[in-house]
Amino acid sequence: MAGKTLYDKLWDSHVVREEADGTCLIYIDRHLVHEVTSPQAYEGLRLAGRKPWRNSSIVANPDHNTPTKDWDKGIEDPISRLQVETLDSNIKEFGALVYFPFKNKDQGIIHVIGPENGTTLPGMTVVCGDSHTSTHGAFGALAHGIGTSEVEHVMATQTLVAKKSKRLLVKVDGQLGKGVTAKDVALAIIGKIGTAGGTGYAIEFGGEVIRGLTMEGRMTLCNMAIEAGARAGMVAPDEKTAAYLQGRLHAPKADNWDKAVAYWKTLQSDADAVYDAVVELQGADIAPQVTWGTSPEQVLPIGSTVPDPAQEGDATKRTSIENALKYMGLNANTPLENIQLDKIFIGSCTNSRIEDLRAAAGVAKG
């Protein structure tokens, strides 16, 4: 019998029930809740006379509708303000393990605050009403986004109805060159397999380059798994994972810490594990990447030029390039290095951690 992949181990340890057609009920360890997809879920509980099955699974935080500056002005948009106020009232009524309201010093992007507080741990299943929940797979967790009705289902039952994905190993070996980051690795992978290349799969990222990334870099990489069409992305936990988590607020303490680390060490794909597909890249071949168009797969190394639709033989792809160039206001054959940047935003759930801000500060300093 073949060994198990990391994904197999995470999935198998959370199956509550499996039907003949492969449909499973899986247990959910951590539920991340924000103001956009939770109001309908909480109202559904209220109408059904239910309460959340396990409040200690819920980590809540207003995220998508809070301003990034001028907090003293509050939330000026009335719809955004209502969503945040509704989350406040729902948490006061139903409770949560962690809640950071607007203007709390720890409030921020939900996929940043979870790991920073040690509420995302290896071996967990993690869900959130947000597609980029795959971020948390960086810790050796099975993490993915869910829809609004599923948010209510998890709140009410602590389970989710799902079918197992296929297994894709993306292996990046060797070393990265100067100035090449985890985001470049993610975009190089998407450039190779396309935005549908991961459809139907859960991706495990492995190889020397992945092991060399910081936890912040791994989070960026797993965050982008969804942009390749995958259900989830994950990296096996190691010493870096444990070092990142040790001492954080909700990480295991005392004797439980040693027991947790011993368990985390088992969350590696077995040597004889079988994948449904394998994609391999060499770190030395990855240059800083630039997305010139309107899709993550419209990406090229920095030394390239904007594509010329006249050189594309496929009519569908040619139209796609033409539309992207028109939308972006770019001309074919323009060197990417010659494109002036008007605005730079650092603060998405992909790149908004302290190492990203320090890198940007270093560039700003010259």
Protein backbone atom coordinates (compact mmCIF):
# COMPACT_ATOMS: atom_id res chain seq x y z
CA MET A 1 0.00 0.00 0.00
CA ALA A 2 1.40 3.39 -1.05
CA GLY A 3 2.30 5.99 1.55
CA LYS A 4 0.24 9.09 2.22
CA THR A 5 0.77 12.65 1.06
CA LEU A 6 0.44 15.55 3.51
CA TYR A 7 -3.00 16.24 2.02
CA ASP A 8 -4.06 12.61 2.55
CA LYS A 9 -3.04 12.78 6.21
CA LEU A 10 -4.89 16.05 6.83
CA TRP A 11 -8.01 14.86 5.02
CA ASP A 12 -8.16 11.38 6.52
CA SER A 13 -7.75 12.67 10.08
CA HIS A 14 -10.81 14.93 9.71
CA VAL A 15 -13.34 12.70 7.93
CA VAL A 16 -16.44 12.22 10.11
CA ARG A 17 -18.42 10.23 7.55
CA GLU A 18 -17.99 9.20 3.91
CA GLU A 19 -20.80 8.32 1.50
CA ALA A 20 -20.56 5.79 -1.33
CA ASP A 21 -20.14 8.57 -3.94
CA GLY A 22 -17.12 10.02 -2.12
CA THR A 23 -18.99 12.90 -0.51
CA CYS A 24 -17.58 13.43 2.98
CA LEU A 25 -18.45 15.26 6.14
CA ILE A 26 -15.20 16.70 7.50
CA TYR A 27 -14.57 18.24 10.90
CA ILE A 28 -13.44 21.90 11.00
CA ASP A 29 -10.93 23.00 13.64
CA ARG A 30 -10.67 26.73 12.99
CA HIS A 31 -13.29 29.10 11.57
CA LEU A 32 -12.17 32.58 10.54
CA VAL A 33 -15.07 35.03 10.47
CA HIS A 34 -15.31 38.55 9.01
CA GLU A 35 -18.02 41.08 8.30
CA VAL A 36 -18.84 40.26 4.66
CA THR A 37 -19.95 36.62 4.70
CA SER A 38 -21.04 36.26 8.34
CA PRO A 39 -24.21 38.43 8.71
CA GLN A 40 -26.40 36.01 6.72
CA ALA A 41 -24.91 33.04 8.59
CA TYR A 42 -25.60 34.49 12.01
CA GLU A 43 -29.11 35.48 10.95
CA GLY A 44 -29.66 31.90 9.76
CA LEU A 45 -28.66 30.60 13.19
CA ARG A 46 -30.98 33.09 14.84
CA LEU A 47 -33.96 32.10 12.67
CA ALA A 48 -33.32 28.40 13.34
CA GLY A 49 -32.93 28.95 17.08
CA ARG A 50 -29.36 27.62 16.98
CA LYS A 51 -26.08 28.72 18.51
CA PRO A 52 -22.56 28.14 17.14
CA TRP A 53 -21.52 24.56 17.88
CA ARG A 54 -18.07 25.57 19.16
CA ASN A 55 -17.34 29.23 19.81
CA SER A 56 -13.72 28.41 20.63
CA SER A 57 -13.17 27.63 16.94
CA ILE A 58 -14.09 31.17 15.84
CA VAL A 59 -11.52 33.90 15.22
CA ALA A 60 -13.31 37.08 14.11
CA ASN A 61 -12.14 40.40 12.77
CA PRO A 62 -13.59 43.14 10.49
CA ASP A 63 -11.43 43.12 7.40
CA HIS A 64 -12.77 44.01 3.96
CA ASN A 65 -14.70 47.18 4.90
CA THR A 66 -12.28 48.94 7.23
CA PRO A 67 -10.19 51.89 5.93
CA THR A 68 -6.42 51.60 5.67
CA LYS A 69 -5.88 55.16 6.91
CA ASP A 70 -7.61 58.01 8.79
CA TRP A 71 -9.06 55.74 11.47
CA ASP A 72 -10.05 58.85 13.44
CA LYS A 73 -12.70 59.52 10.76
CA GLY A 74 -14.27 56.10 11.35
CA ILE A 75 -15.90 54.18 8.49
CA GLU A 76 -17.48 56.82 6.28
CA ASP A 77 -19.30 54.55 3.80
CA PRO A 78 -22.67 53.70 5.41
CA ILE A 79 -22.93 50.17 3.95
CA SER A 80 -19.40 49.30 5.05
CA ARG A 81 -20.07 50.75 8.49
CA LEU A 82 -23.28 48.71 8.83
CA GLN A 83 -21.47 45.48 7.99
CA VAL A 84 -18.81 46.11 10.63
CA GLU A 85 -21.39 47.15 13.25
CA THR A 86 -23.40 44.00 12.47
CA LEU A 87 -20.32 41.84 13.08
CA ASP A 88 -19.82 43.66 16.41
CA SER A 89 -23.35 42.91 17.55
CA ASN A 90 -23.21 39.28 16.34
CA ILE A 91 -20.00 38.57 18.25
CA LYS A 92 -21.43 40.20 21.37
CA GLU A 93 -24.48 37.94 21.09
CA PHE A 94 -22.85 34.66 20.05
CA GLY A 95 -19.22 34.97 21.24
CA ALA A 96 -15.85 33.92 19.76
CA LEU A 97 -12.41 32.74 20.86
CA VAL A 98 -10.77 35.88 19.47
CA TYR A 99 -12.33 39.14 18.30
CA PHE A 100 -10.47 42.25 17.25
CA PRO A 101 -13.00 45.05 16.62
CA PHE A 102 -12.32 48.01 14.34
CA LYS A 103 -9.63 50.32 15.80
CA ASN A 104 -8.22 47.59 18.05
CA LYS A 105 -4.42 47.62 17.67
CA ASP A 106 -4.48 43.95 16.58
CA GLN A 107 -7.30 44.32 14.04
CA GLY A 108 -6.25 43.79 10.44
CA ILE A 109 -6.31 41.38 7.52
CA ILE A 110 -7.84 38.12 8.72
CA HIS A 111 -5.22 35.98 6.96
CA VAL A 112 -2.50 37.93 8.77
CA ILE A 113 -3.92 38.14 12.28
CA GLY A 114 -4.76 34.41 12.47
CA PRO A 115 -1.17 33.16 12.17
CA GLU A 116 0.22 36.09 14.19
CA ASN A 117 -1.88 35.01 17.18
CA GLY A 118 -1.11 31.32 16.89
CA THR A 119 -4.69 30.40 16.04
CA THR A 120 -3.56 28.69 12.83
CA LEU A 121 -1.65 25.51 13.67
CA PRO A 122 -0.26 22.52 11.72
CA GLY A 123 -2.70 19.67 11.26
CA MET A 124 -5.79 21.88 11.42
CA THR A 125 -8.64 22.27 8.99
CA VAL A 126 -9.19 26.01 8.53
CA VAL A 127 -12.08 27.68 6.69
CA CYS A 128 -13.24 31.23 6.07
CA GLY A 129 -15.76 32.92 3.79
CA ASP A 130 -12.89 34.22 1.66
CA SER A 131 -11.11 32.51 -1.24
CA HIS A 132 -7.58 33.31 -0.03
CA THR A 133 -7.95 31.17 3.08
CA SER A 134 -5.45 28.87 1.35
CA THR A 135 -2.86 31.22 2.94
CA HIS A 136 -3.00 29.19 6.17
CA GLY A 137 -1.80 26.06 4.36
CA ALA A 138 1.69 27.47 4.88
CA PHE A 139 1.51 25.93 8.36
CA GLY A 140 0.74 22.42 7.18
CA ALA A 141 -2.99 23.00 7.56
CA LEU A 142 -5.81 22.11 5.16
CA ALA A 143 -7.23 25.59 4.55
CA HIS A 144 -9.67 26.89 1.95
CA GLY A 145 -12.48 29.35 1.36
CA ILE A 146 -16.16 28.55 1.73
CA GLY A 147 -19.45 30.16 0.65
CA THR A 148 -21.93 32.02 2.84
CA SER A 149 -24.28 29.05 3.30
CA GLU A 150 -21.27 26.92 4.24
CA VAL A 151 -20.25 29.53 6.84
CA GLU A 152 -23.61 28.94 8.54
CA HIS A 153 -23.22 25.14 8.23
CA VAL A 154 -19.81 25.23 9.92
CA MET A 155 -21.11 27.51 12.67
CA ALA A 156 -24.07 25.22 13.34
CA THR A 157 -22.38 21.80 13.05
CA GLN A 158 -18.57 22.33 13.11
CA THR A 159 -18.46 20.26 9.91
CA LEU A 160 -18.38 20.80 6.16
CA VAL A 161 -19.67 18.70 3.25
CA ALA A 162 -16.86 18.23 0.73
CA LYS A 163 -15.24 15.85 -1.75
CA LYS A 164 -11.55 15.04 -1.73
CA SER A 165 -9.39 16.82 -4.29
CA LYS A 166 -6.67 15.29 -6.44
CA ARG A 167 -3.08 15.73 -5.26
CA LEU A 168 -0.58 17.97 -7.09
CA LEU A 169 3.04 18.32 -6.01
CA VAL A 170 4.75 21.52 -7.14
CA LYS A 171 8.45 21.05 -6.49
CA VAL A 172 10.85 24.00 -6.72
CA ASP A 173 14.48 23.03 -6.23
CA GLY A 174 17.80 24.87 -6.29
CA GLN A 175 18.25 28.46 -5.11
CA LEU A 176 16.51 31.73 -5.91
CA GLY A 177 18.44 34.63 -7.38
CA LYS A 178 18.82 38.06 -5.81
CA GLY A 179 15.57 40.00 -5.51
CA VAL A 180 13.38 36.99 -6.30
CA THR A 181 10.60 36.56 -3.74
CA ALA A 182 7.86 34.07 -2.88
CA LYS A 183 5.42 36.11 -4.99
CA ASP A 184 7.72 35.64 -8.00
CA VAL A 185 7.78 31.89 -7.35
CA ALA A 186 3.98 31.83 -7.20
CA LEU A 187 3.64 33.81 -10.42
CA ALA A 188 6.24 31.66 -12.19
CA ILE A 189 4.23 28.56 -11.23
CA ILE A 190 1.00 30.16 -12.51
CA GLY A 191 2.79 31.27 -15.66
CA LYS A 192 3.74 27.62 -16.26
CA ILE A 193 0.47 25.83 -15.40
CA GLY A 194 -2.06 28.64 -15.98
CA THR A 195 -4.91 29.90 -13.80
CA ALA A 196 -6.76 26.60 -14.32
CA GLY A 197 -3.70 24.37 -13.89
CA GLY A 198 -4.60 23.61 -10.29
CA THR A 199 -8.34 23.09 -10.83
CA GLY A 200 -9.52 20.00 -8.98
CA TYR A 201 -6.27 19.74 -7.03
CA ALA A 202 -4.89 20.47 -3.59
CA ILE A 203 -1.30 21.64 -4.12
CA GLU A 204 1.60 20.67 -1.90
CA PHE A 205 4.63 22.92 -2.39
CA GLY A 206 7.97 21.20 -1.82
CA GLY A 207 11.65 21.33 -2.70
CA GLU A 208 14.72 23.27 -1.56
CA VAL A 209 13.35 26.69 -2.54
CA ILE A 210 10.14 26.19 -0.55
CA ARG A 211 12.03 24.98 2.53
CA GLY A 212 14.23 28.07 2.23
CA LEU A 213 11.28 30.49 2.34
CA THR A 214 10.31 32.27 5.55
CA MET A 215 6.87 31.55 7.01
CA GLU A 216 5.74 34.87 5.55
CA GLY A 217 6.96 33.77 2.13
CA ARG A 218 5.20 30.42 2.44
CA MET A 219 1.97 32.25 3.32
CA THR A 220 2.30 34.35 0.17
CA LEU A 221 2.86 31.21 -1.91
CA CYS A 222 -0.10 29.30 -0.45
CA ASN A 223 -2.27 32.42 -0.75
CA MET A 224 -1.65 32.38 -4.52
CA ALA A 225 -2.56 28.69 -4.89
CA ILE A 226 -6.14 29.82 -5.38
CA GLU A 227 -5.01 31.96 -8.35
CA ALA A 228 -3.83 28.75 -10.01
CA GLY A 229 -7.35 27.34 -9.62
CA ALA A 230 -6.46 24.99 -6.75
CA ARG A 231 -8.75 24.23 -3.82
CA ALA A 232 -5.89 24.61 -1.34
CA GLY A 233 -2.14 25.00 -1.09
CA MET A 234 0.07 23.68 1.68
CA VAL A 235 3.64 23.31 2.91
CA ALA A 236 4.73 20.59 5.34
CA PRO A 237 5.62 21.98 8.80
CA ASP A 238 9.26 22.03 9.89
CA GLU A 239 11.56 23.77 12.37
CA LYS A 240 10.72 27.18 10.88
CA THR A 241 7.03 26.54 11.46
CA ALA A 242 7.58 25.68 15.11
CA ALA A 243 9.93 28.64 15.65
CA TYR A 244 7.32 31.01 14.19
CA LEU A 245 4.53 29.68 16.42
CA GLN A 246 6.39 29.24 19.72
CA GLY A 247 5.23 31.73 22.34
CA ARG A 248 2.33 33.13 20.32
CA LEU A 249 -0.85 33.87 22.24
CA HIS A 250 -2.94 30.85 21.26
CA ALA A 251 -0.14 28.40 20.42
CA PRO A 252 0.18 25.33 22.69
CA LYS A 253 1.95 25.94 26.02
CA ALA A 254 4.13 23.92 28.43
CA ASP A 255 3.81 20.13 28.02
CA ASN A 256 1.26 20.59 25.24
CA TRP A 257 3.92 22.38 23.19
CA ASP A 258 6.21 19.35 23.12
CA LYS A 259 3.28 17.05 22.28
CA ALA A 260 2.19 19.39 19.48
CA VAL A 261 5.66 19.60 17.93
CA ALA A 262 5.98 15.81 18.06
CA TYR A 263 2.68 15.51 16.18
CA TRP A 264 3.62 18.20 13.67
CA LYS A 265 6.72 16.19 12.73
CA THR A 266 4.42 13.43 11.43
CA LEU A 267 2.83 15.84 8.93
CA GLN A 268 5.23 15.09 6.10
CA SER A 269 4.40 13.29 2.89
CA ASP A 270 5.69 9.71 3.05
CA ALA A 271 8.65 8.87 0.82
CA ASP A 272 6.49 6.47 -1.21
CA ALA A 273 3.46 8.79 -1.38
CA VAL A 274 1.77 8.97 -4.79
CA TYR A 275 0.56 12.23 -6.38
CA ASP A 276 -1.90 12.59 -9.22
CA ALA A 277 0.41 15.11 -10.93
CA VAL A 278 3.85 16.64 -10.38
CA VAL A 279 5.18 19.99 -11.65
CA GLU A 280 8.88 20.85 -11.26
CA LEU A 281 10.70 24.18 -11.51
CA GLN A 282 14.26 25.30 -10.83
CA GLY A 283 14.74 28.32 -8.58
CA ALA A 284 17.64 29.62 -10.69
CA ASP A 285 15.29 29.89 -13.69
CA ILE A 286 12.86 32.21 -11.84
CA ALA A 287 13.42 35.93 -12.38
CA PRO A 288 11.35 38.73 -10.80
CA GLN A 289 7.92 38.46 -12.40
CA VAL A 290 5.55 41.13 -13.74
CA THR A 291 1.87 40.63 -14.54
CA TRP A 292 1.31 42.86 -17.55
CA GLY A 293 -2.38 41.99 -18.09
CA THR A 294 -5.59 41.32 -16.21
CA SER A 295 -4.96 37.71 -15.12
CA PRO A 296 -2.19 36.20 -12.97
CA GLU A 297 -1.25 33.92 -15.89
CA GLN A 298 -0.48 36.98 -18.03
CA VAL A 299 2.95 37.16 -16.45
CA LEU A 300 6.51 37.48 -17.75
CA PRO A 301 10.04 37.88 -16.32
CA ILE A 302 11.09 41.50 -15.78
CA GLY A 303 13.46 41.56 -18.79
CA SER A 304 10.65 40.75 -21.24
CA THR A 305 8.50 42.93 -23.46
CA VAL A 306 4.72 43.31 -23.53
CA PRO A 307 3.31 40.56 -25.80
CA ASP A 308 2.27 41.34 -29.37
CA PRO A 309 -1.17 39.88 -30.17
CA ALA A 310 -0.20 39.77 -33.86
CA GLN A 311 2.33 37.07 -32.97
CA GLU A 312 -0.30 34.84 -31.29
CA GLY A 313 -1.68 32.10 -33.55
CA ASP A 314 -4.55 31.09 -31.26
CA ALA A 315 -7.53 33.38 -31.94
CA THR A 316 -8.94 33.13 -28.41
CA LYS A 317 -5.58 33.92 -26.80
CA ARG A 318 -5.02 36.74 -29.28
CA THR A 319 -8.33 38.36 -28.32
CA SER A 320 -7.47 37.93 -24.64
CA ILE A 321 -4.14 39.72 -25.14
CA GLU A 322 -5.79 42.53 -27.12
CA ASN A 323 -8.42 43.06 -24.42
CA ALA A 324 -5.82 43.05 -21.66
CA LEU A 325 -3.58 45.56 -23.44
CA LYS A 326 -6.56 47.85 -24.04
CA TYR A 327 -7.64 47.66 -20.40
CA MET A 328 -4.09 48.21 -19.10
CA GLY A 329 -3.33 51.01 -21.57
CA LEU A 330 -0.20 49.25 -22.81
CA ASN A 331 1.38 48.95 -26.23
CA ALA A 332 2.70 45.69 -27.64
CA ASN A 333 6.49 45.16 -27.54
CA THR A 334 7.06 47.75 -24.77
CA PRO A 335 9.91 46.64 -22.45
CA LEU A 336 8.38 45.87 -19.05
CA GLU A 337 11.15 47.85 -17.35
CA ASN A 338 10.00 50.99 -19.19
CA ILE A 339 6.46 50.94 -17.75
CA GLN A 340 6.04 53.72 -15.19
CA LEU A 341 4.26 52.87 -11.93
CA ASP A 342 1.59 55.37 -10.86
CA LYS A 343 0.50 53.74 -7.61
CA ILE A 344 1.89 50.94 -5.47
CA PHE A 345 -0.38 49.21 -2.94
CA ILE A 346 1.13 47.03 -0.23
CA GLY A 347 -1.53 45.61 2.03
CA SER A 348 -3.36 42.75 0.36
CA CYS A 349 -3.58 39.38 2.12
CA THR A 350 -0.91 38.17 -0.33
CA ASN A 351 1.86 40.60 0.65
CA SER A 352 1.13 42.59 3.81
CA ARG A 353 3.28 41.04 6.50
CA ILE A 354 6.12 42.74 8.31
CA GLU A 355 8.83 41.39 5.98
CA ASP A 356 6.91 42.80 2.98
CA LEU A 357 6.65 46.22 4.62
CA ARG A 358 10.37 46.16 5.48
CA ALA A 359 11.27 45.23 1.90
CA ALA A 360 9.15 48.11 0.58
CA ALA A 361 10.74 50.49 3.10
CA GLY A 362 14.16 49.38 1.88
CA VAL A 363 13.24 50.23 -1.71
CA ALA A 364 11.76 53.57 -0.65
CA LYS A 365 15.03 54.40 1.12
CA GLY A 366 16.92 53.67 -2.09
